């Protein structure tokens, strides 16, 4: 039985095998290009999210937006009706200097030395 299968495959012309090989290469390239197109489309959609330049965006992990915290930085925020361009666009990209070293509950994260000099 195995001999019959092997002899059948050996009787195929070599261009049939080449056709199979090139079709596999073509399908692989097609899938890679389709994946790149899908990722590019998704990335361009994500770049339409306006939250980072909105005046209500806080740059805080705990509360990203004071108006719509549930949709902040998601695709739902693309057509946000409350979007207002921030007067201070650089403020939203960095935390306020006065809040550095302070946790969300207001306690200090910086350890203090109690009179010990190093």
C-alpha atoms as a PDB file:
ATOM      1  CA  UNK A   1       0.000   0.000   0.000  1.00  0.00           C
ATOM      2  CA  UNK A   2       2.766   2.419   0.986  1.00  0.00           C
ATOM      3  CA  UNK A   3       4.680   1.509  -2.141  1.00  0.00           C
ATOM      4  CA  UNK A   4       1.645   2.433  -4.242  1.00  0.00           C
ATOM      5  CA  UNK A   5       1.388   5.868  -2.579  1.00  0.00           C
ATOM      6  CA  UNK A   6       5.121   6.546  -2.997  1.00  0.00           C
ATOM      7  CA  UNK A   7       5.095   5.505  -6.640  1.00  0.00           C
ATOM      8  CA  UNK A   8       2.042   7.719  -7.270  1.00  0.00           C
ATOM      9  CA  UNK A   9       3.802  10.773  -5.829  1.00  0.00           C
ATOM     10  CA  UNK A  10       6.976  10.012  -7.763  1.00  0.00           C
ATOM     11  CA  UNK A  11       5.012  10.003 -11.004  1.00  0.00           C
ATOM     12  CA  UNK A  12       3.958  13.661 -10.535  1.00  0.00           C
ATOM     13  CA  UNK A  13       5.984  16.112 -12.615  1.00  0.00           C
ATOM     14  CA  UNK A  14       8.316  18.367 -10.653  1.00  0.00           C
ATOM     15  CA  UNK A  15       6.418  21.521 -11.620  1.00  0.00           C
ATOM     16  CA  UNK A  16       3.451  20.253  -9.542  1.00  0.00           C
ATOM     17  CA  UNK A  17       5.668  20.165  -6.449  1.00  0.00           C
ATOM     18  CA  UNK A  18       7.045  23.568  -7.333  1.00  0.00           C
ATOM     19  CA  UNK A  19       3.471  24.840  -7.643  1.00  0.00           C
ATOM     20  CA  UNK A  20       2.618  23.512  -4.180  1.00  0.00           C
ATOM     21  CA  UNK A  21       5.738  25.087  -2.719  1.00  0.00           C
ATOM     22  CA  UNK A  22       5.120  28.470  -4.323  1.00  0.00           C
ATOM     23  CA  UNK A  23       1.474  28.440  -3.267  1.00  0.00           C
ATOM     24  CA  UNK A  24       2.574  27.875   0.346  1.00  0.00           C
ATOM     25  CA  UNK A  25       5.038  30.748   0.057  1.00  0.00           C
ATOM     26  CA  UNK A  26       2.307  32.923  -1.468  1.00  0.00           C
ATOM     27  CA  UNK A  27      -0.159  32.107   1.305  1.00  0.00           C
ATOM     28  CA  UNK A  28       2.451  32.871   3.952  1.00  0.00           C
ATOM     29  CA  UNK A  29       3.277  36.249   2.397  1.00  0.00           C
ATOM     30  CA  UNK A  30      -0.447  36.994   2.023  1.00  0.00           C
ATOM     31  CA  UNK A  31      -1.070  36.272   5.718  1.00  0.00           C
ATOM     32  CA  UNK A  32       1.883  38.402   6.808  1.00  0.00           C
ATOM     33  CA  UNK A  33       0.689  41.340   4.680  1.00  0.00           C
ATOM     34  CA  UNK A  34      -2.868  40.950   5.997  1.00  0.00           C
ATOM     35  CA  UNK A  35      -1.569  40.993   9.581  1.00  0.00           C
ATOM     36  CA  UNK A  36       0.502  44.120   8.910  1.00  0.00           C
ATOM     37  CA  UNK A  37      -2.517  45.845   7.367  1.00  0.00           C
ATOM     38  CA  UNK A  38      -4.677  44.923  10.372  1.00  0.00           C
ATOM     39  CA  UNK A  39      -2.105  46.169  12.896  1.00  0.00           C
ATOM     40  CA  UNK A  40      -1.596  49.416  10.961  1.00  0.00           C
ATOM     41  CA  UNK A  41      -5.338  50.045  10.843  1.00  0.00           C
ATOM     42  CA  UNK A  42      -5.693  49.388  14.584  1.00  0.00           C
ATOM     43  CA  UNK A  43      -2.718  51.642  15.398  1.00  0.00           C
ATOM     44  CA  UNK A  44      -4.115  54.509  13.341  1.00  0.00           C
ATOM     45  CA  UNK A  45      -7.446  54.077  15.140  1.00  0.00           C
ATOM     46  CA  UNK A  46      -5.706  54.234  18.539  1.00  0.00           C
ATOM     47  CA  UNK A  47      -3.910  57.448  17.536  1.00  0.00           C
ATOM     48  CA  UNK A  48      -7.304  59.118  17.104  1.00  0.00           C
ATOM     49  CA  UNK A  49      -7.982  58.935  20.851  1.00  0.00           C
ATOM     50  CA  UNK A  50      -7.851  62.596  21.964  1.00  0.00           C
ATOM     51  CA  UNK A  51      -7.628  62.081  25.741  1.00  0.00           C
ATOM     52  CA  UNK A  52      -3.951  62.990  26.170  1.00  0.00           C
ATOM     53  CA  UNK A  53      -4.574  66.564  24.982  1.00  0.00           C
ATOM     54  CA  UNK A  54      -7.904  67.076  26.772  1.00  0.00           C
ATOM     55  CA  UNK A  55      -8.167  69.523  29.654  1.00  0.00           C
ATOM     56  CA  UNK A  56      -9.991  66.898  31.761  1.00  0.00           C
ATOM     57  CA  UNK A  57      -7.233  64.279  31.378  1.00  0.00           C
ATOM     58  CA  UNK A  58      -5.264  63.875  34.611  1.00  0.00           C
ATOM     59  CA  UNK A  59      -2.376  61.507  33.628  1.00  0.00           C
ATOM     60  CA  UNK A  60      -3.178  59.604  36.806  1.00  0.00           C
ATOM     61  CA  UNK A  61      -3.537  55.834  36.744  1.00  0.00           C
ATOM     62  CA  UNK A  62      -6.339  55.988  39.314  1.00  0.00           C
ATOM     63  CA  UNK A  63      -8.454  58.659  37.597  1.00  0.00           C
ATOM     64  CA  UNK A  64      -7.548  59.266  33.960  1.00  0.00           C
ATOM     65  CA  UNK A  65     -10.452  61.562  33.182  1.00  0.00           C
ATOM     66  CA  UNK A  66     -12.544  63.633  35.564  1.00  0.00           C
ATOM     67  CA  UNK A  67     -15.597  63.667  33.276  1.00  0.00           C
ATOM     68  CA  UNK A  68     -15.694  60.145  31.735  1.00  0.00           C
ATOM     69  CA  UNK A  69     -13.296  57.899  33.671  1.00  0.00           C
ATOM     70  CA  UNK A  70     -14.910  54.720  32.343  1.00  0.00           C
ATOM     71  CA  UNK A  71     -14.085  55.480  28.686  1.00  0.00           C
ATOM     72  CA  UNK A  72     -10.837  57.433  29.079  1.00  0.00           C
ATOM     73  CA  UNK A  73      -8.054  56.237  26.751  1.00  0.00           C
ATOM     74  CA  UNK A  74     -10.352  53.740  24.982  1.00  0.00           C
ATOM     75  CA  UNK A  75     -11.828  53.722  21.476  1.00  0.00           C
ATOM     76  CA  UNK A  76     -15.115  54.961  22.940  1.00  0.00           C
ATOM     77  CA  UNK A  77     -13.395  58.262  23.756  1.00  0.00           C
ATOM     78  CA  UNK A  78     -12.702  59.083  20.090  1.00  0.00           C
ATOM     79  CA  UNK A  79     -16.012  60.923  19.693  1.00  0.00           C
ATOM     80  CA  UNK A  80     -16.178  62.286  23.254  1.00  0.00           C
ATOM     81  CA  UNK A  81     -18.628  65.179  23.404  1.00  0.00           C
ATOM     82  CA  UNK A  82     -16.836  66.761  26.389  1.00  0.00           C
ATOM     83  CA  UNK A  83     -13.385  66.906  24.771  1.00  0.00           C
ATOM     84  CA  UNK A  84     -11.774  70.300  25.292  1.00  0.00           C
ATOM     85  CA  UNK A  85      -8.237  71.044  24.172  1.00  0.00           C
ATOM     86  CA  UNK A  86      -6.023  71.664  27.167  1.00  0.00           C
ATOM     87  CA  UNK A  87      -4.656  75.168  27.651  1.00  0.00           C
ATOM     88  CA  UNK A  88      -1.469  73.559  28.970  1.00  0.00           C
ATOM     89  CA  UNK A  89      -0.760  70.539  26.722  1.00  0.00           C
ATOM     90  CA  UNK A  90       2.613  69.783  28.365  1.00  0.00           C
ATOM     91  CA  UNK A  91       0.968  69.484  31.778  1.00  0.00           C
ATOM     92  CA  UNK A  92      -0.978  66.392  30.727  1.00  0.00           C
ATOM     93  CA  UNK A  93       2.131  64.583  29.513  1.00  0.00           C
ATOM     94  CA  UNK A  94       3.898  64.894  32.892  1.00  0.00           C
ATOM     95  CA  UNK A  95       2.826  64.672  36.487  1.00  0.00           C
ATOM     96  CA  UNK A  96       2.734  67.860  38.460  1.00  0.00           C
ATOM     97  CA  UNK A  97       6.074  68.467  40.229  1.00  0.00           C
ATOM     98  CA  UNK A  98       4.226  69.095  43.495  1.00  0.00           C
ATOM     99  CA  UNK A  99       2.767  65.574  43.379  1.00  0.00           C
ATOM    100  CA  UNK A 100       6.026  63.681  42.875  1.00  0.00           C
ATOM    101  CA  UNK A 101       6.649  61.300  45.729  1.00  0.00           C
ATOM    102  CA  UNK A 102       3.031  61.416  46.909  1.00  0.00           C
ATOM    103  CA  UNK A 103       0.770  58.368  46.658  1.00  0.00           C
ATOM    104  CA  UNK A 104      -2.883  58.491  45.620  1.00  0.00           C
ATOM    105  CA  UNK A 105      -4.026  58.705  49.272  1.00  0.00           C
ATOM    106  CA  UNK A 106      -1.761  61.701  49.960  1.00  0.00           C
ATOM    107  CA  UNK A 107       0.951  59.993  51.973  1.00  0.00           C
ATOM    108  CA  UNK A 108       4.587  60.557  51.143  1.00  0.00           C
ATOM    109  CA  UNK A 109       6.450  57.864  49.217  1.00  0.00           C
ATOM    110  CA  UNK A 110       9.844  59.391  49.973  1.00  0.00           C
ATOM    111  CA  UNK A 111      11.577  57.931  52.996  1.00  0.00           C
ATOM    112  CA  UNK A 112      12.807  60.574  55.350  1.00  0.00           C
ATOM    113  CA  UNK A 113      15.913  60.287  57.437  1.00  0.00           C
ATOM    114  CA  UNK A 114      15.208  61.200  61.044  1.00  0.00           C
ATOM    115  CA  UNK A 115      18.197  63.357  61.824  1.00  0.00           C
ATOM    116  CA  UNK A 116      20.705  60.895  60.395  1.00  0.00           C
ATOM    117  CA  UNK A 117      23.179  62.264  57.935  1.00  0.00           C
ATOM    118  CA  UNK A 118      24.789  60.029  55.367  1.00  0.00           C
END
